[in-house]
Amino acid sequence: MNDRAAVLADEIRGVVEALSTSRIDDSDLDAAIELARQLGRRLQGPPRVRWYETLPLDTEEQLGLSGSAYQEQSPLRGAHNPIAPPLVVEEATDGEREVLVGRARLGPAYEGPPHGVHGGWVAAMFDDILGATLRFLDDVGVTGRLTVEFRHITPIDEDLDLRAWIERSQGRRTVAKATCHAGDTLTAEAEALFIQVDFEEVQTYMAERRQGRS
């Protein structure tokens, strides 16, 4: 897979944006429906390996493969996933503290309140960047609790800056915090509890569920 998939994902984001914001006459909608059907047929192929299928994560190479696949497939950060805004996340430092800095710009397709990003998407961005802080501990885990406090409407069509860090960690439990700003305005802040898990056990359990339901 190369950057053509990322280019296609960007084009589809544009289509989603246009469909959610434009008044379109019936003839153009009929033509677009047929094009969408043709596009769907073009994109049929064998299943891609999911990011978690590179487990067990016991080597640097496997960690790299998993991280790279997640960056492509994530519903928040995925360059190849057209529903992702996408959220771009980078490591930084704040004094002696390691932090993650996230940047995103969400358009009307993500709108909830007038001129504002839907709160569910704000929470989803927090969940993603907070979970990513576990890399500082070389840990893997799942969200046990996510608390979001909305301080202001998070505006659409503006650059959003998120910052996340680990607050404390003990045993299998890690607490991380994050903020979201639009310019100088704090729009929301969050705290998450993560529980360390064995993803091999999770995969086995989910595979058994699928087999039982098939």
N, C-alpha and C. Protein backbone atom coordinates (compact mmCIF):
# COMPACT_ATOMS: atom_id res chain seq x y z
N MET A 1 0.85 -1.20 0.00
CA MET A 1 0.00 0.00 0.00
C MET A 1 0.88 1.24 0.00
N ASN A 2 0.60 2.20 -0.86
CA ASN A 2 1.42 3.40 -0.91
C ASN A 2 0.53 4.62 -0.73
N ASP A 3 1.09 5.81 -1.02
CA ASP A 3 0.37 7.05 -0.75
C ASP A 3 -0.87 7.24 -1.62
N ARG A 4 -1.05 6.41 -2.64
CA ARG A 4 -2.28 6.54 -3.43
C ARG A 4 -3.51 6.34 -2.56
N ALA A 5 -3.41 5.44 -1.57
CA ALA A 5 -4.54 5.21 -0.67
C ALA A 5 -4.83 6.45 0.16
N ALA A 6 -3.78 7.15 0.58
CA ALA A 6 -3.97 8.38 1.35
C ALA A 6 -4.61 9.47 0.49
N VAL A 7 -4.19 9.55 -0.77
CA VAL A 7 -4.78 10.53 -1.69
C VAL A 7 -6.27 10.22 -1.89
N LEU A 8 -6.58 8.93 -2.07
CA LEU A 8 -7.98 8.54 -2.26
C LEU A 8 -8.79 8.86 -1.01
N ALA A 9 -8.24 8.60 0.17
CA ALA A 9 -8.95 8.90 1.41
C ALA A 9 -9.25 10.39 1.51
N ASP A 10 -8.30 11.24 1.10
CA ASP A 10 -8.52 12.69 1.11
C ASP A 10 -9.65 13.08 0.16
N GLU A 11 -9.67 12.45 -1.01
CA GLU A 11 -10.73 12.75 -1.98
C GLU A 11 -12.10 12.35 -1.42
N ILE A 12 -12.16 11.20 -0.75
CA ILE A 12 -13.43 10.75 -0.18
C ILE A 12 -13.87 11.68 0.95
N ARG A 13 -12.90 12.18 1.73
CA ARG A 13 -13.25 13.17 2.76
C ARG A 13 -13.91 14.39 2.11
N GLY A 14 -13.38 14.79 0.96
CA GLY A 14 -13.96 15.93 0.25
C GLY A 14 -15.38 15.64 -0.20
N VAL A 15 -15.62 14.41 -0.64
CA VAL A 15 -16.97 14.02 -1.06
C VAL A 15 -17.93 14.06 0.13
N VAL A 16 -17.47 13.52 1.26
CA VAL A 16 -18.30 13.53 2.47
C VAL A 16 -18.65 14.96 2.87
N GLU A 17 -17.64 15.83 2.81
CA GLU A 17 -17.86 17.24 3.16
C GLU A 17 -18.88 17.89 2.23
N ALA A 18 -18.74 17.63 0.93
CA ALA A 18 -19.65 18.23 -0.04
C ALA A 18 -21.07 17.71 0.16
N LEU A 19 -21.22 16.41 0.41
CA LEU A 19 -22.54 15.83 0.59
C LEU A 19 -23.24 16.37 1.83
N SER A 20 -22.44 16.71 2.85
CA SER A 20 -23.04 17.20 4.10
C SER A 20 -23.29 18.70 4.10
N THR A 21 -22.77 19.41 3.09
CA THR A 21 -22.88 20.87 3.12
C THR A 21 -23.54 21.47 1.89
N SER A 22 -23.68 20.69 0.82
CA SER A 22 -24.16 21.26 -0.45
C SER A 22 -25.57 20.79 -0.79
N ARG A 23 -26.33 21.67 -1.44
CA ARG A 23 -27.62 21.30 -2.01
C ARG A 23 -27.35 20.78 -3.41
N ILE A 24 -27.75 19.54 -3.67
CA ILE A 24 -27.41 18.87 -4.92
C ILE A 24 -28.69 18.46 -5.63
N ASP A 25 -28.77 18.74 -6.94
CA ASP A 25 -30.00 18.39 -7.64
C ASP A 25 -30.04 16.88 -7.91
N ASP A 26 -31.23 16.40 -8.25
CA ASP A 26 -31.45 14.96 -8.37
C ASP A 26 -30.59 14.32 -9.45
N SER A 27 -30.41 15.01 -10.57
CA SER A 27 -29.64 14.40 -11.66
C SER A 27 -28.19 14.20 -11.25
N ASP A 28 -27.63 15.17 -10.54
CA ASP A 28 -26.26 15.02 -10.06
C ASP A 28 -26.16 13.94 -8.99
N LEU A 29 -27.18 13.83 -8.14
CA LEU A 29 -27.19 12.78 -7.13
C LEU A 29 -27.25 11.40 -7.78
N ASP A 30 -28.08 11.27 -8.82
CA ASP A 30 -28.18 9.98 -9.53
C ASP A 30 -26.83 9.60 -10.14
N ALA A 31 -26.16 10.58 -10.75
CA ALA A 31 -24.85 10.31 -11.35
C ALA A 31 -23.83 9.96 -10.27
N ALA A 32 -23.90 10.66 -9.14
CA ALA A 32 -22.96 10.40 -8.05
C ALA A 32 -23.17 9.01 -7.46
N ILE A 33 -24.43 8.59 -7.36
CA ILE A 33 -24.73 7.25 -6.83
C ILE A 33 -24.10 6.19 -7.72
N GLU A 34 -24.23 6.34 -9.03
CA GLU A 34 -23.63 5.36 -9.94
C GLU A 34 -22.10 5.36 -9.82
N LEU A 35 -21.51 6.56 -9.71
CA LEU A 35 -20.06 6.63 -9.54
C LEU A 35 -19.63 5.97 -8.24
N ALA A 36 -20.43 6.16 -7.18
CA ALA A 36 -20.10 5.53 -5.90
C ALA A 36 -20.16 4.02 -6.00
N ARG A 37 -21.14 3.50 -6.74
CA ARG A 37 -21.23 2.06 -6.93
C ARG A 37 -20.02 1.54 -7.70
N GLN A 38 -19.61 2.29 -8.72
CA GLN A 38 -18.43 1.89 -9.49
C GLN A 38 -17.18 1.92 -8.60
N LEU A 39 -17.09 2.96 -7.76
CA LEU A 39 -15.95 3.06 -6.86
C LEU A 39 -15.91 1.88 -5.90
N GLY A 40 -17.07 1.52 -5.35
CA GLY A 40 -17.13 0.39 -4.45
C GLY A 40 -16.66 -0.89 -5.10
N ARG A 41 -17.05 -1.09 -6.36
CA ARG A 41 -16.61 -2.30 -7.07
C ARG A 41 -15.10 -2.27 -7.30
N ARG A 42 -14.54 -1.09 -7.55
CA ARG A 42 -13.10 -0.96 -7.77
C ARG A 42 -12.29 -1.31 -6.53
N LEU A 43 -12.90 -1.10 -5.38
CA LEU A 43 -12.15 -1.24 -4.13
C LEU A 43 -12.33 -2.61 -3.47
N GLN A 44 -12.89 -3.56 -4.22
CA GLN A 44 -12.99 -4.92 -3.70
C GLN A 44 -11.63 -5.60 -3.79
N GLY A 45 -11.26 -6.31 -2.71
CA GLY A 45 -9.97 -7.00 -2.71
C GLY A 45 -9.82 -7.84 -1.46
N PRO A 46 -8.71 -8.56 -1.36
CA PRO A 46 -8.49 -9.39 -0.17
C PRO A 46 -8.36 -8.52 1.07
N PRO A 47 -8.73 -9.05 2.25
CA PRO A 47 -8.67 -8.26 3.49
C PRO A 47 -7.24 -7.83 3.80
N ARG A 48 -7.11 -6.62 4.33
CA ARG A 48 -5.81 -6.13 4.79
C ARG A 48 -5.54 -6.66 6.19
N VAL A 49 -4.27 -6.84 6.49
CA VAL A 49 -3.88 -7.22 7.85
C VAL A 49 -4.18 -6.04 8.77
N ARG A 50 -4.90 -6.30 9.86
CA ARG A 50 -5.20 -5.25 10.82
C ARG A 50 -3.99 -5.00 11.71
N TRP A 51 -3.95 -3.80 12.31
CA TRP A 51 -2.75 -3.42 13.06
C TRP A 51 -2.46 -4.38 14.20
N TYR A 52 -3.50 -4.91 14.85
CA TYR A 52 -3.30 -5.78 16.01
C TYR A 52 -2.87 -7.19 15.59
N GLU A 53 -2.97 -7.51 14.32
CA GLU A 53 -2.56 -8.83 13.86
C GLU A 53 -1.05 -8.96 13.72
N THR A 54 -0.31 -7.88 14.05
CA THR A 54 1.15 -7.96 14.10
C THR A 54 1.62 -8.39 15.48
N LEU A 55 0.69 -8.60 16.42
CA LEU A 55 1.05 -9.05 17.76
C LEU A 55 1.60 -10.48 17.72
N PRO A 56 2.42 -10.93 18.70
CA PRO A 56 2.76 -10.25 19.94
C PRO A 56 3.77 -9.13 19.73
N LEU A 57 3.62 -8.08 20.50
CA LEU A 57 4.46 -6.90 20.37
C LEU A 57 5.71 -7.05 21.24
N ASP A 58 6.54 -8.03 20.92
CA ASP A 58 7.69 -8.29 21.78
C ASP A 58 9.01 -7.92 21.13
N THR A 59 8.98 -7.26 19.97
CA THR A 59 10.19 -6.78 19.35
C THR A 59 9.96 -5.37 18.81
N GLU A 60 11.06 -4.62 18.64
CA GLU A 60 10.95 -3.28 18.08
C GLU A 60 10.36 -3.32 16.68
N GLU A 61 10.71 -4.34 15.90
CA GLU A 61 10.20 -4.44 14.53
C GLU A 61 8.68 -4.62 14.54
N GLN A 62 8.18 -5.48 15.43
CA GLN A 62 6.74 -5.70 15.49
C GLN A 62 6.01 -4.46 15.99
N LEU A 63 6.60 -3.76 16.97
CA LEU A 63 6.00 -2.52 17.44
C LEU A 63 5.92 -1.51 16.31
N GLY A 64 6.97 -1.45 15.50
CA GLY A 64 6.97 -0.52 14.37
C GLY A 64 5.91 -0.87 13.34
N LEU A 65 5.77 -2.17 13.03
CA LEU A 65 4.76 -2.60 12.08
C LEU A 65 3.37 -2.29 12.58
N SER A 66 3.12 -2.55 13.87
CA SER A 66 1.81 -2.29 14.44
C SER A 66 1.50 -0.80 14.42
N GLY A 67 2.49 0.03 14.83
CA GLY A 67 2.27 1.47 14.85
C GLY A 67 2.01 2.03 13.47
N SER A 68 2.75 1.54 12.48
CA SER A 68 2.57 2.01 11.11
C SER A 68 1.19 1.63 10.58
N ALA A 69 0.76 0.40 10.85
CA ALA A 69 -0.55 -0.03 10.39
C ALA A 69 -1.66 0.76 11.07
N TYR A 70 -1.49 1.05 12.37
CA TYR A 70 -2.51 1.83 13.08
C TYR A 70 -2.61 3.24 12.50
N GLN A 71 -1.46 3.83 12.15
CA GLN A 71 -1.47 5.17 11.58
C GLN A 71 -2.24 5.19 10.26
N GLU A 72 -2.29 4.08 9.56
CA GLU A 72 -3.04 4.01 8.31
C GLU A 72 -4.52 3.74 8.55
N GLN A 73 -4.84 2.92 9.57
CA GLN A 73 -6.18 2.37 9.70
C GLN A 73 -7.05 3.06 10.75
N SER A 74 -6.44 3.81 11.66
CA SER A 74 -7.17 4.41 12.78
C SER A 74 -8.35 5.27 12.31
N PRO A 75 -9.50 5.19 12.99
CA PRO A 75 -10.63 6.06 12.64
C PRO A 75 -10.42 7.51 13.05
N LEU A 76 -9.33 7.78 13.79
CA LEU A 76 -9.00 9.16 14.16
C LEU A 76 -7.77 9.67 13.44
N ARG A 77 -6.76 8.82 13.28
CA ARG A 77 -5.49 9.24 12.69
C ARG A 77 -5.20 8.62 11.33
N GLY A 78 -6.03 7.69 10.89
CA GLY A 78 -5.69 6.89 9.72
C GLY A 78 -5.60 7.66 8.42
N ALA A 79 -4.41 7.71 7.85
CA ALA A 79 -4.23 8.37 6.56
C ALA A 79 -5.01 7.67 5.45
N HIS A 80 -5.26 6.36 5.62
CA HIS A 80 -6.01 5.60 4.62
C HIS A 80 -7.47 5.40 5.03
N ASN A 81 -7.89 6.05 6.10
CA ASN A 81 -9.26 5.89 6.59
C ASN A 81 -10.02 7.20 6.38
N PRO A 82 -10.96 7.25 5.43
CA PRO A 82 -11.61 8.52 5.09
C PRO A 82 -12.51 9.09 6.17
N ILE A 83 -12.85 8.30 7.21
CA ILE A 83 -13.65 8.90 8.27
C ILE A 83 -12.78 9.62 9.29
N ALA A 84 -11.46 9.43 9.24
CA ALA A 84 -10.54 10.13 10.15
C ALA A 84 -10.41 11.58 9.73
N PRO A 85 -10.35 12.56 10.68
CA PRO A 85 -10.28 13.98 10.30
C PRO A 85 -9.16 14.35 9.33
N PRO A 86 -7.89 13.90 9.43
CA PRO A 86 -7.28 13.05 10.44
C PRO A 86 -6.62 13.87 11.56
N LEU A 87 -6.41 13.20 12.69
CA LEU A 87 -5.68 13.77 13.81
C LEU A 87 -4.20 13.41 13.66
N VAL A 88 -3.34 14.42 13.66
CA VAL A 88 -1.89 14.20 13.53
C VAL A 88 -1.27 14.32 14.91
N VAL A 89 -0.54 13.30 15.35
CA VAL A 89 0.01 13.25 16.70
C VAL A 89 1.53 13.14 16.64
N GLU A 90 2.19 13.97 17.45
CA GLU A 90 3.66 13.96 17.52
C GLU A 90 4.10 14.02 18.98
N GLU A 91 5.29 13.50 19.24
CA GLU A 91 5.86 13.56 20.58
C GLU A 91 6.56 14.89 20.79
N ALA A 92 6.51 15.37 22.04
CA ALA A 92 7.18 16.63 22.39
C ALA A 92 7.54 16.56 23.87
N THR A 93 8.13 17.63 24.37
CA THR A 93 8.44 17.72 25.80
C THR A 93 7.88 19.03 26.34
N ASP A 94 7.48 18.98 27.60
CA ASP A 94 6.98 20.16 28.31
C ASP A 94 7.75 20.21 29.62
N GLY A 95 8.85 20.94 29.62
CA GLY A 95 9.76 20.88 30.76
C GLY A 95 10.42 19.52 30.77
N GLU A 96 10.25 18.78 31.86
CA GLU A 96 10.79 17.43 31.94
C GLU A 96 9.75 16.38 31.60
N ARG A 97 8.54 16.80 31.30
CA ARG A 97 7.45 15.85 31.05
C ARG A 97 7.31 15.55 29.56
N GLU A 98 7.17 14.27 29.24
CA GLU A 98 6.90 13.87 27.87
C GLU A 98 5.41 14.08 27.58
N VAL A 99 5.13 14.67 26.43
CA VAL A 99 3.73 14.91 26.05
C VAL A 99 3.53 14.54 24.60
N LEU A 100 2.27 14.34 24.26
CA LEU A 100 1.89 14.18 22.87
C LEU A 100 1.11 15.42 22.45
N VAL A 101 1.43 15.91 21.27
CA VAL A 101 0.75 17.08 20.72
C VAL A 101 -0.05 16.63 19.50
N GLY A 102 -1.34 16.89 19.50
CA GLY A 102 -2.20 16.52 18.39
C GLY A 102 -2.76 17.74 17.70
N ARG A 103 -2.90 17.64 16.39
CA ARG A 103 -3.45 18.75 15.60
C ARG A 103 -4.50 18.21 14.64
N ALA A 104 -5.61 18.92 14.56
CA ALA A 104 -6.70 18.51 13.66
C ALA A 104 -7.52 19.72 13.28
N ARG A 105 -8.23 19.57 12.19
CA ARG A 105 -9.17 20.62 11.73
C ARG A 105 -10.39 19.89 11.20
N LEU A 106 -11.52 20.03 11.87
CA LEU A 106 -12.73 19.30 11.51
C LEU A 106 -13.74 20.24 10.86
N GLY A 107 -14.28 19.81 9.74
CA GLY A 107 -15.23 20.63 9.01
C GLY A 107 -16.67 20.33 9.37
N PRO A 108 -17.62 20.85 8.59
CA PRO A 108 -19.05 20.70 8.90
C PRO A 108 -19.53 19.25 8.96
N ALA A 109 -18.83 18.33 8.33
CA ALA A 109 -19.25 16.93 8.40
C ALA A 109 -19.19 16.40 9.83
N TYR A 110 -18.43 17.08 10.71
CA TYR A 110 -18.27 16.66 12.10
C TYR A 110 -19.04 17.57 13.06
N GLU A 111 -19.94 18.40 12.51
CA GLU A 111 -20.62 19.40 13.31
C GLU A 111 -21.69 18.80 14.21
N GLY A 112 -21.76 19.31 15.44
CA GLY A 112 -22.81 18.95 16.38
C GLY A 112 -23.62 20.20 16.70
N PRO A 113 -23.20 20.99 17.73
CA PRO A 113 -23.87 22.27 17.98
C PRO A 113 -23.54 23.25 16.86
N PRO A 114 -24.30 24.32 16.72
CA PRO A 114 -24.01 25.28 15.65
C PRO A 114 -22.55 25.74 15.68
N HIS A 115 -21.88 25.54 14.56
CA HIS A 115 -20.49 25.98 14.38
C HIS A 115 -19.50 25.21 15.26
N GLY A 116 -19.95 24.13 15.88
CA GLY A 116 -19.08 23.40 16.80
C GLY A 116 -18.94 21.93 16.44
N VAL A 117 -17.80 21.36 16.81
CA VAL A 117 -17.55 19.94 16.60
C VAL A 117 -18.47 19.13 17.52
N HIS A 118 -19.05 18.07 17.01
CA HIS A 118 -19.89 17.18 17.82
C HIS A 118 -19.07 16.68 19.02
N GLY A 119 -19.71 16.70 20.20
CA GLY A 119 -19.01 16.30 21.40
C GLY A 119 -18.46 14.89 21.35
N GLY A 120 -19.14 14.00 20.62
CA GLY A 120 -18.65 12.63 20.48
C GLY A 120 -17.32 12.57 19.78
N TRP A 121 -17.12 13.45 18.80
CA TRP A 121 -15.84 13.48 18.09
C TRP A 121 -14.75 14.09 18.96
N VAL A 122 -15.11 15.08 19.77
CA VAL A 122 -14.13 15.63 20.72
C VAL A 122 -13.68 14.54 21.67
N ALA A 123 -14.64 13.78 22.21
CA ALA A 123 -14.30 12.69 23.13
C ALA A 123 -13.46 11.63 22.43
N ALA A 124 -13.79 11.33 21.16
CA ALA A 124 -13.03 10.32 20.43
C ALA A 124 -11.58 10.76 20.22
N MET A 125 -11.37 12.04 19.90
CA MET A 125 -10.00 12.52 19.74
C MET A 125 -9.23 12.42 21.05
N PHE A 126 -9.90 12.75 22.15
CA PHE A 126 -9.27 12.61 23.46
C PHE A 126 -8.90 11.15 23.73
N ASP A 127 -9.83 10.25 23.48
CA ASP A 127 -9.58 8.83 23.75
C ASP A 127 -8.37 8.35 22.96
N ASP A 128 -8.26 8.80 21.72
CA ASP A 128 -7.15 8.36 20.87
C ASP A 128 -5.81 8.90 21.36
N ILE A 129 -5.72 10.20 21.59
CA ILE A 129 -4.44 10.76 21.98
C ILE A 129 -4.04 10.37 23.40
N LEU A 130 -5.03 10.22 24.29
CA LEU A 130 -4.73 9.76 25.64
C LEU A 130 -4.21 8.33 25.62
N GLY A 131 -4.84 7.48 24.83
CA GLY A 131 -4.38 6.10 24.71
C GLY A 131 -2.98 6.02 24.15
N ALA A 132 -2.66 6.95 23.26
CA ALA A 132 -1.32 6.94 22.65
C ALA A 132 -0.22 7.27 23.65
N THR A 133 -0.56 7.91 24.78
CA THR A 133 0.48 8.23 25.77
C THR A 133 1.06 6.97 26.39
N LEU A 134 0.38 5.83 26.26
CA LEU A 134 0.91 4.59 26.83
C LEU A 134 2.24 4.20 26.19
N ARG A 135 2.54 4.78 25.03
CA ARG A 135 3.83 4.49 24.40
C ARG A 135 4.99 4.92 25.29
N PHE A 136 4.75 5.92 26.14
CA PHE A 136 5.81 6.38 27.03
C PHE A 136 6.16 5.34 28.09
N LEU A 137 5.24 4.40 28.31
CA LEU A 137 5.46 3.35 29.30
C LEU A 137 5.75 2.00 28.65
N ASP A 138 5.79 1.95 27.31
CA ASP A 138 5.91 0.68 26.59
C ASP A 138 4.82 -0.28 27.03
N ASP A 139 3.61 0.25 27.19
CA ASP A 139 2.48 -0.52 27.70
C ASP A 139 1.42 -0.65 26.61
N VAL A 140 0.57 -1.64 26.76
CA VAL A 140 -0.63 -1.72 25.92
C VAL A 140 -1.82 -1.87 26.86
N GLY A 141 -2.91 -1.18 26.55
CA GLY A 141 -4.07 -1.24 27.43
C GLY A 141 -5.31 -0.73 26.74
N VAL A 142 -6.40 -0.76 27.48
CA VAL A 142 -7.69 -0.29 26.95
C VAL A 142 -8.27 0.74 27.90
N THR A 143 -9.17 1.55 27.38
CA THR A 143 -9.79 2.59 28.20
C THR A 143 -10.77 1.97 29.19
N GLY A 144 -10.54 2.25 30.47
CA GLY A 144 -11.47 1.81 31.50
C GLY A 144 -12.47 2.90 31.85
N ARG A 145 -12.03 4.15 31.72
CA ARG A 145 -12.92 5.29 32.01
C ARG A 145 -12.40 6.51 31.27
N LEU A 146 -13.30 7.28 30.70
CA LEU A 146 -12.95 8.53 30.03
C LEU A 146 -13.90 9.61 30.50
N THR A 147 -13.35 10.67 31.06
CA THR A 147 -14.15 11.79 31.54
C THR A 147 -13.78 13.04 30.75
N VAL A 148 -14.77 13.68 30.13
CA VAL A 148 -14.53 14.88 29.33
C VAL A 148 -15.32 16.03 29.93
N GLU A 149 -14.65 17.15 30.12
CA GLU A 149 -15.32 18.37 30.57
C GLU A 149 -15.25 19.39 29.44
N PHE A 150 -16.42 19.78 28.96
CA PHE A 150 -16.51 20.73 27.85
C PHE A 150 -16.53 22.15 28.42
N ARG A 151 -15.52 22.92 28.11
CA ARG A 151 -15.40 24.28 28.63
C ARG A 151 -15.96 25.32 27.68
N HIS A 152 -16.01 24.99 26.40
CA HIS A 152 -16.45 25.94 25.39
C HIS A 152 -16.78 25.12 24.15
N ILE A 153 -17.58 25.65 23.26
CA ILE A 153 -17.82 24.96 21.99
C ILE A 153 -16.49 24.83 21.24
N THR A 154 -16.20 23.61 20.80
CA THR A 154 -14.99 23.37 20.00
C THR A 154 -15.34 23.69 18.56
N PRO A 155 -14.77 24.74 17.98
CA PRO A 155 -15.24 25.22 16.67
C PRO A 155 -14.83 24.33 15.51
N ILE A 156 -15.71 24.22 14.53
CA ILE A 156 -15.34 23.59 13.26
C ILE A 156 -14.54 24.59 12.44
N ASP A 157 -13.83 24.08 11.44
CA ASP A 157 -13.07 24.91 10.50
C ASP A 157 -12.04 25.79 11.20
N GLU A 158 -11.54 25.33 12.32
CA GLU A 158 -10.42 26.01 12.99
C GLU A 158 -9.40 24.97 13.40
N ASP A 159 -8.14 25.37 13.45
CA ASP A 159 -7.08 24.47 13.89
C ASP A 159 -7.24 24.18 15.37
N LEU A 160 -7.24 22.91 15.71
CA LEU A 160 -7.37 22.47 17.10
C LEU A 160 -6.04 21.88 17.56
N ASP A 161 -5.65 22.24 18.76
CA ASP A 161 -4.41 21.74 19.34
C ASP A 161 -4.73 20.94 20.58
N LEU A 162 -4.34 19.67 20.58
CA LEU A 162 -4.54 18.80 21.73
C LEU A 162 -3.18 18.48 22.36
N ARG A 163 -3.18 18.33 23.67
CA ARG A 163 -1.95 18.00 24.39
C ARG A 163 -2.30 16.96 25.44
N ALA A 164 -1.52 15.86 25.49
CA ALA A 164 -1.83 14.76 26.41
C ALA A 164 -0.55 14.28 27.09
N TRP A 165 -0.71 13.84 28.33
CA TRP A 165 0.44 13.37 29.11
C TRP A 165 -0.03 12.35 30.15
N ILE A 166 0.91 11.57 30.65
CA ILE A 166 0.62 10.61 31.71
C ILE A 166 0.69 11.32 33.05
N GLU A 167 -0.38 11.20 33.81
CA GLU A 167 -0.44 11.83 35.13
C GLU A 167 0.17 10.92 36.19
N ARG A 168 -0.19 9.64 36.15
CA ARG A 168 0.40 8.68 37.09
C ARG A 168 0.16 7.27 36.57
N SER A 169 0.99 6.33 37.05
CA SER A 169 0.86 4.94 36.63
C SER A 169 1.29 4.04 37.77
N GLN A 170 0.48 3.02 38.03
CA GLN A 170 0.80 2.07 39.09
C GLN A 170 0.22 0.71 38.72
N GLY A 171 1.10 -0.27 38.63
CA GLY A 171 0.65 -1.60 38.27
C GLY A 171 0.02 -1.62 36.89
N ARG A 172 -1.21 -2.14 36.82
CA ARG A 172 -1.90 -2.26 35.54
C ARG A 172 -2.73 -1.03 35.21
N ARG A 173 -2.73 -0.01 36.06
CA ARG A 173 -3.60 1.15 35.90
C ARG A 173 -2.77 2.41 35.62
N THR A 174 -3.19 3.12 34.58
CA THR A 174 -2.52 4.37 34.20
C THR A 174 -3.56 5.46 34.02
N VAL A 175 -3.29 6.63 34.57
CA VAL A 175 -4.17 7.79 34.40
C VAL A 175 -3.45 8.82 33.53
N ALA A 176 -4.13 9.29 32.50
CA ALA A 176 -3.57 10.30 31.61
C ALA A 176 -4.56 11.46 31.48
N LYS A 177 -4.03 12.65 31.19
CA LYS A 177 -4.86 13.84 31.05
C LYS A 177 -4.56 14.52 29.72
N ALA A 178 -5.52 15.34 29.27
CA ALA A 178 -5.35 16.04 27.99
C ALA A 178 -6.18 17.31 27.95
N THR A 179 -5.78 18.21 27.08
CA THR A 179 -6.52 19.45 26.85
C THR A 179 -6.72 19.65 25.35
N CYS A 180 -7.73 20.45 25.00
CA CYS A 180 -7.96 20.84 23.61
C CYS A 180 -8.13 22.35 23.55
N HIS A 181 -7.36 22.99 22.71
CA HIS A 181 -7.44 24.44 22.53
C HIS A 181 -7.76 24.79 21.08
N ALA A 182 -8.53 25.84 20.90
CA ALA A 182 -8.70 26.49 19.60
C ALA A 182 -8.11 27.88 19.77
N GLY A 183 -6.92 28.08 19.25
CA GLY A 183 -6.22 29.33 19.54
C GLY A 183 -5.90 29.38 21.03
N ASP A 184 -6.25 30.48 21.68
CA ASP A 184 -6.01 30.62 23.11
C ASP A 184 -7.15 30.10 23.97
N THR A 185 -8.21 29.59 23.32
CA THR A 185 -9.40 29.16 24.06
C THR A 185 -9.32 27.69 24.42
N LEU A 186 -9.41 27.39 25.72
CA LEU A 186 -9.53 26.00 26.16
C LEU A 186 -10.96 25.56 25.92
N THR A 187 -11.15 24.61 25.01
CA THR A 187 -12.51 24.17 24.68
C THR A 187 -12.92 22.94 25.47
N ALA A 188 -11.97 22.10 25.86
CA ALA A 188 -12.31 20.89 26.60
C ALA A 188 -11.06 20.31 27.23
N GLU A 189 -11.27 19.51 28.27
CA GLU A 189 -10.17 18.77 28.89
C GLU A 189 -10.68 17.41 29.30
N ALA A 190 -9.76 16.46 29.44
CA ALA A 190 -10.19 15.08 29.68
C ALA A 190 -9.21 14.36 30.59
N GLU A 191 -9.74 13.31 31.23
CA GLU A 191 -8.92 12.40 32.02
C GLU A 191 -9.37 10.99 31.70
N ALA A 192 -8.40 10.09 31.53
CA ALA A 192 -8.72 8.71 31.19
C ALA A 192 -7.97 7.75 32.10
N LEU A 193 -8.63 6.65 32.42
CA LEU A 193 -8.00 5.54 33.13
C LEU A 193 -7.82 4.41 32.13
N PHE A 194 -6.60 3.90 32.03
CA PHE A 194 -6.30 2.78 31.14
C PHE A 194 -5.89 1.56 31.96
N ILE A 195 -6.37 0.40 31.51
CA ILE A 195 -6.09 -0.85 32.17
C ILE A 195 -5.22 -1.70 31.24
N GLN A 196 -4.07 -2.12 31.75
CA GLN A 196 -3.18 -2.96 30.94
C GLN A 196 -3.83 -4.31 30.69
N VAL A 197 -3.79 -4.77 29.44
CA VAL A 197 -4.39 -6.05 29.07
C VAL A 197 -3.42 -6.84 28.20
N ASP A 198 -3.70 -8.14 28.09
CA ASP A 198 -2.96 -9.01 27.18
C ASP A 198 -3.76 -9.09 25.88
N PHE A 199 -3.28 -8.43 24.83
CA PHE A 199 -4.05 -8.37 23.59
C PHE A 199 -4.12 -9.72 22.89
N GLU A 200 -3.19 -10.62 23.17
CA GLU A 200 -3.30 -11.96 22.61
C GLU A 200 -4.53 -12.66 23.17
N GLU A 201 -4.77 -12.49 24.48
CA GLU A 201 -5.96 -13.06 25.09
C GLU A 201 -7.22 -12.41 24.52
N VAL A 202 -7.16 -11.09 24.30
CA VAL A 202 -8.31 -10.39 23.73
C VAL A 202 -8.62 -10.93 22.34
N GLN A 203 -7.59 -11.12 21.51
CA GLN A 203 -7.82 -11.64 20.16
C GLN A 203 -8.42 -13.03 20.20
N THR A 204 -7.93 -13.87 21.11
CA THR A 204 -8.46 -15.23 21.23
C THR A 204 -9.93 -15.18 21.62
N TYR A 205 -10.27 -14.34 22.57
CA TYR A 205 -11.66 -14.22 23.03
C TYR A 205 -12.57 -13.74 21.91
N MET A 206 -12.13 -12.70 21.17
CA MET A 206 -12.96 -12.16 20.11
C MET A 206 -13.12 -13.15 18.96
N ALA A 207 -12.05 -13.92 18.67
CA ALA A 207 -12.14 -14.94 17.62
C ALA A 207 -13.16 -16.00 18.00
N GLU A 208 -13.17 -16.38 19.27
CA GLU A 208 -14.14 -17.37 19.74
C GLU A 208 -15.56 -16.83 19.65
N ARG A 209 -15.74 -15.53 19.94
CA ARG A 209 -17.08 -14.92 19.82
C ARG A 209 -17.55 -14.96 18.36
N ARG A 210 -16.64 -14.61 17.44
CA ARG A 210 -17.04 -14.63 16.02
C ARG A 210 -17.41 -16.02 15.56
N GLN A 211 -16.63 -17.02 16.00
CA GLN A 211 -16.93 -18.39 15.60
C GLN A 211 -18.26 -18.85 16.17
N GLY A 212 -18.55 -18.42 17.40
CA GLY A 212 -19.79 -18.82 18.04
C GLY A 212 -21.01 -18.20 17.40
N ARG A 213 -20.84 -17.03 16.74
CA ARG A 213 -21.96 -16.31 16.14
C ARG A 213 -22.10 -16.59 14.66
N SER A 214 -21.11 -17.29 14.08
CA SER A 214 -21.16 -17.55 12.64
C SER A 214 -21.93 -18.83 12.33
